[in-house]
Amino acid sequence: MAASGLVINQIYGVVVVNFRNQSILDGASIDAIAADLYALVDEQAHRKMILDFTAVRFLSSQVIGTLLQVDKKIKAIKGKVVICGMKPNLYKVFETMNLHKVLTFTENEDKAMQALDVFK
């Protein structure tokens, strides 16, 4: 899944997806990211997912649509996705669109694990 710039690991039953590219603006890259993320849910049925945006500085509005679709797919199988490491300027976009009420955001991966009740 390196073509999409994602690094995917599984920790404590949670799939952790790290975005490695600083910019996610290119349509072909976004399509590859979407395909990889959808496969994690549709084909592998992962129900707990962390999307770590720590490295990301810029993203396209198309990425927002992809995140909403991943969230919808995971909720359909009674799972949860948590987004962490989002830069304040990027988070502000989600806040402006009131998407911070739809999607779950945390500061870092540890807090994301807590939001997924991993250590209970």
Foldseek 3Di string as FASTA:
>chain_A
DPLLQWDWDADLLEIEIERRDQEAEDPVSLVVVLVVLVCCCVVVNRQHYEYEDQNYDYYDVVNVVSVVVSQVSSVVSVGAYEYENDDPVRVVVCVVVVVCVVHHYDHDDVVSCVVRVSPD
